[in-house]
C-alpha cells in the first residue's frame, strides 16, 4: 500500500508539472499574439559600438544607445529615451557625436541638443558637438560643502586625495575648477558620487558661469 501511495504521488506530481509547463507555453503564445496584433516590435537589448578611435562619445550602431571610451574600454550606455527610441525606431545616425554624463558605472548617454538638470539639482548641462557644457554653481547657501576626514560610508572623493570625504547629498566643486559633484548614495565603506563632465576652458580655475567650448 505504501509503495502504491508513493507511485500515485509521483504521477500526480508529474501531471502537475506538465500542466504548469503547458500553461506557461500558452501564456507566452498569448503574449506574443497581443504584441503582434498591437503592431509593437520587441525591444532590442543588444548594442554594438562603431569603430571610433577618437575616444569621444558617439551614437551606437542601433541609433539609440551611446558609446564612449572609459577606463575599462569601450562601453555602451542607455539614454533617458533609449526604450522609446528602440520601440519607435532610431532618429540618430550611428557614429554621430553624442555626450555622456557621469563616471564609469553610472554614466548616462545624451544626444546633441539635450538639456538636462545635473544630479545636484540646480546646475544645467547641454550636449554639444564639442562635448558636454554645464553650469558650475553651488546649489545652497552660496557655497560648496567642506570636505571631511574618515567619514566612512559616505563619499570618498579620490581625485582630491585618499582621505577626502563628503556627506550624503552634499555638493562640491570638482578638482578641475569648473564641474560639480554630488554624493548620491552611501555604502558599507564608501558611497557613490557623480560629477558633471563639462568642457573646462581653463582647467584649475574657478568659474561660476556656463563653460563654453
Protein backbone atom coordinates (compact mmCIF):
# COMPACT_ATOMS: atom_id res chain seq x y z
CA UNK A 1 0.00 0.00 0.00
CA UNK A 2 2.80 2.39 0.89
CA UNK A 3 4.52 1.81 -2.45
CA UNK A 4 1.26 2.39 -4.33
CA UNK A 5 0.65 5.67 -2.50
CA UNK A 6 4.16 6.85 -3.38
CA UNK A 7 3.55 5.98 -7.05
CA UNK A 8 0.28 7.89 -7.07
CA UNK A 9 2.01 10.92 -5.57
CA UNK A 10 4.74 10.71 -8.22
CA UNK A 11 2.19 10.52 -11.03
CA UNK A 12 0.24 13.41 -9.53
CA UNK A 13 3.43 15.50 -9.27
CA UNK A 14 4.37 14.75 -12.90
CA UNK A 15 0.86 15.66 -14.03
CA UNK A 16 1.01 18.98 -12.13
CA UNK A 17 4.42 19.84 -13.61
CA UNK A 18 3.13 19.16 -17.14
CA UNK A 19 0.10 21.33 -16.52
CA UNK A 20 2.27 24.20 -15.30
CA UNK A 21 4.58 23.84 -18.31
CA UNK A 22 1.61 23.84 -20.71
CA UNK A 23 0.09 26.91 -19.04
CA UNK A 24 3.41 28.80 -19.32
CA UNK A 25 3.62 27.94 -23.02
CA UNK A 26 0.02 29.13 -23.57
CA UNK A 27 0.70 32.40 -21.73
CA UNK A 28 3.84 33.05 -23.81
CA UNK A 29 1.87 32.40 -27.00
CA UNK A 30 -0.93 34.76 -25.89
CA UNK A 31 1.59 37.49 -25.04
CA UNK A 32 3.30 37.15 -28.43
CA UNK A 33 -0.09 37.32 -30.17
CA UNK A 34 -1.01 40.50 -28.29
CA UNK A 35 2.33 42.12 -29.15
CA UNK A 36 1.99 41.31 -32.85
CA UNK A 37 -1.66 42.37 -33.02
CA UNK A 38 -0.75 45.73 -31.48
CA UNK A 39 1.94 46.24 -34.10
CA UNK A 40 4.67 46.55 -31.47
CA UNK A 41 8.09 45.12 -32.16
CA UNK A 42 10.03 43.59 -29.24
CA UNK A 43 12.78 45.87 -27.91
CA UNK A 44 16.34 45.05 -28.85
CA UNK A 45 18.55 44.58 -25.81
CA UNK A 46 21.91 44.46 -27.57
CA UNK A 47 24.14 47.33 -28.59
CA UNK A 48 27.29 47.43 -30.65
CA UNK A 49 29.60 50.41 -30.99
CA UNK A 50 31.00 51.90 -34.20
CA UNK A 51 34.73 51.74 -34.86
CA UNK A 52 35.94 55.05 -33.42
CA UNK A 53 39.45 55.55 -32.07
CA UNK A 54 38.92 59.17 -31.01
CA UNK A 55 37.64 58.24 -27.55
CA UNK A 56 34.68 60.64 -27.90
CA UNK A 57 31.08 59.68 -27.17
CA UNK A 58 29.11 58.64 -30.27
CA UNK A 59 25.69 57.18 -31.07
CA UNK A 60 25.73 53.36 -31.15
CA UNK A 61 25.07 51.20 -34.19
CA UNK A 62 21.39 50.83 -33.26
CA UNK A 63 20.93 54.62 -33.38
CA UNK A 64 19.61 54.67 -29.81
CA UNK A 65 22.40 53.86 -27.33
CA UNK A 66 25.53 55.95 -26.74
CA UNK A 67 29.08 54.55 -26.80
CA UNK A 68 32.10 56.03 -25.06
CA UNK A 69 35.60 55.02 -24.04
CA UNK A 70 36.00 54.64 -20.26
CA UNK A 71 38.83 53.32 -18.07
CA UNK A 72 37.73 49.75 -18.88
CA UNK A 73 37.43 50.21 -22.62
CA UNK A 74 34.50 50.99 -24.91
CA UNK A 75 31.13 50.91 -23.18
CA UNK A 76 27.56 51.18 -24.40
CA UNK A 77 25.08 53.03 -22.15
CA UNK A 78 21.41 53.95 -22.17
CA UNK A 79 19.96 57.42 -22.55
CA UNK A 80 16.79 58.65 -20.86
CA UNK A 81 14.88 57.84 -24.08
CA UNK A 82 16.53 54.59 -25.22
CA UNK A 83 13.40 52.46 -24.75
CA UNK A 84 11.24 54.87 -26.75
CA UNK A 85 13.91 55.05 -29.45
CA UNK A 86 14.07 51.25 -29.76
CA UNK A 87 10.27 50.99 -29.89
CA UNK A 88 9.68 53.75 -32.46
CA UNK A 89 12.87 53.44 -34.49
CA UNK A 90 16.17 55.35 -34.32
CA UNK A 91 16.27 59.05 -35.12
CA UNK A 92 20.03 59.48 -34.72
CA UNK A 93 22.73 58.35 -37.11
CA UNK A 94 25.16 55.72 -35.86
CA UNK A 95 28.59 57.20 -35.18
CA UNK A 96 27.34 60.79 -34.87
CA UNK A 97 28.62 62.84 -31.88
CA UNK A 98 26.92 62.39 -28.50
CA UNK A 99 27.71 63.02 -24.82
CA UNK A 100 27.84 61.13 -21.54
CA UNK A 101 27.12 62.42 -18.05
CA UNK A 102 28.71 60.74 -15.04
CA UNK A 103 31.59 58.39 -14.47
CA UNK A 104 32.14 54.78 -15.49
CA UNK A 105 29.49 52.62 -13.88
CA UNK A 106 26.81 55.31 -13.58
CA UNK A 107 27.20 57.15 -16.89
CA UNK A 108 24.12 58.16 -18.88
CA UNK A 109 24.19 58.96 -22.59
CA UNK A 110 22.75 62.15 -24.07
CA UNK A 111 22.17 63.32 -27.63
CA UNK A 112 23.26 66.58 -29.26
CA UNK A 113 20.91 69.35 -28.15
CA UNK A 114 19.72 67.59 -24.98
CA UNK A 115 19.41 69.88 -21.96
CA UNK A 116 19.03 68.34 -18.50
CA UNK A 117 19.40 69.13 -14.80
CA UNK A 118 22.52 67.77 -13.15
CA UNK A 119 22.19 65.31 -10.29
CA UNK A 120 22.93 68.11 -7.79
CA UNK A 121 19.50 69.51 -8.62
CA UNK A 122 20.43 73.04 -9.63
CA UNK A 123 23.06 73.03 -12.37
CA UNK A 124 22.17 72.58 -16.03
CA UNK A 125 24.02 70.72 -18.78
CA UNK A 126 23.79 70.91 -22.57
CA UNK A 127 25.16 68.30 -25.00
CA UNK A 128 27.03 69.94 -27.90
CA UNK A 129 29.14 68.55 -30.72
CA UNK A 130 32.23 69.73 -28.80
CA UNK A 131 31.14 67.92 -25.63
CA UNK A 132 29.02 68.50 -22.55
CA UNK A 133 28.56 72.09 -21.35
CA UNK A 134 27.48 72.57 -17.71
CA UNK A 135 26.97 75.40 -15.26
CA UNK A 136 29.16 75.17 -12.17
CA UNK A 137 27.41 76.98 -9.31
CA UNK A 138 26.85 75.92 -5.70
CA UNK A 139 23.25 74.90 -5.05
CA UNK A 140 22.70 76.03 -1.46
CA UNK A 141 23.92 78.77 0.89
CA UNK A 142 26.07 80.24 -1.88
CA UNK A 143 28.98 77.88 -1.15
CA UNK A 144 30.14 74.32 -1.73
CA UNK A 145 30.34 71.78 1.08
CA UNK A 146 33.52 71.45 3.12
CA UNK A 147 35.33 68.09 2.99
CA UNK A 148 35.72 65.79 5.99
CA UNK A 149 38.17 63.08 7.02
CA UNK A 150 37.47 59.45 7.92
CA UNK A 151 33.78 59.77 7.07
CA UNK A 152 33.39 56.12 6.23
CA UNK A 153 30.19 55.08 4.49
CA UNK A 154 29.78 58.43 2.76
CA UNK A 155 31.56 59.60 -0.43
CA UNK A 156 35.34 59.49 -0.74
CA UNK A 157 36.47 61.94 -3.41
CA UNK A 158 39.61 60.15 -4.56
CA UNK A 159 40.58 62.81 -7.11
CA UNK A 160 41.35 65.21 -4.25
CA UNK A 161 43.20 62.76 -2.01
CA UNK A 162 42.90 59.46 -0.17
CA UNK A 163 41.12 60.92 2.87
CA UNK A 164 38.73 63.48 1.40
CA UNK A 165 35.10 62.67 2.21
CA UNK A 166 31.72 64.33 1.68
CA UNK A 167 28.40 63.60 3.36
CA UNK A 168 25.36 62.17 1.58
CA UNK A 169 23.59 64.74 -0.66
CA UNK A 170 26.39 67.30 -0.26
CA UNK A 171 27.72 69.13 -3.32
CA UNK A 172 31.29 70.22 -4.02
CA UNK A 173 33.39 71.65 -6.80
CA UNK A 174 35.45 69.18 -8.82
CA UNK A 175 39.24 69.44 -8.83
CA UNK A 176 39.16 70.83 -12.40
CA UNK A 177 37.62 74.02 -11.00
CA UNK A 178 34.54 74.11 -13.23
CA UNK A 179 32.48 70.96 -12.76
CA UNK A 180 30.41 69.95 -9.73
CA UNK A 181 29.93 66.68 -7.85
CA UNK A 182 27.24 65.38 -5.52
CA UNK A 183 27.18 62.41 -3.13
CA UNK A 184 24.18 60.31 -4.20
CA UNK A 185 24.43 57.13 -2.09
CA UNK A 186 26.09 55.68 1.00
CA UNK A 187 27.88 52.32 1.17
CA UNK A 188 29.45 49.86 3.59
CA UNK A 189 32.84 51.55 3.25
CA UNK A 190 32.26 54.37 0.79
CA UNK A 191 29.28 55.72 -1.09
CA UNK A 192 28.78 56.78 -4.71
CA UNK A 193 29.08 60.24 -6.20
CA UNK A 194 28.50 61.63 -9.64
CA UNK A 195 30.09 64.66 -11.32
CA UNK A 196 29.27 66.74 -14.35
CA UNK A 197 31.93 66.29 -17.02
CA UNK A 198 31.52 69.51 -18.96
CA UNK A 199 34.21 71.18 -21.02
CA UNK A 200 36.64 73.28 -18.97
CA UNK A 201 38.20 76.16 -20.92
CA UNK A 202 40.61 76.99 -18.11
CA UNK A 203 41.30 73.89 -16.02
CA UNK A 204 42.04 74.51 -12.31
CA UNK A 205 40.45 77.94 -12.50
CA UNK A 206 37.22 78.51 -10.58
CA UNK A 207 34.37 79.50 -12.87
CA UNK A 208 30.75 80.11 -11.87
CA UNK A 209 29.18 80.64 -15.29
CA UNK A 210 28.42 78.39 -18.25
CA UNK A 211 31.60 76.86 -19.64
CA UNK A 212 31.77 77.13 -23.43
CA UNK A 213 33.96 75.26 -25.86
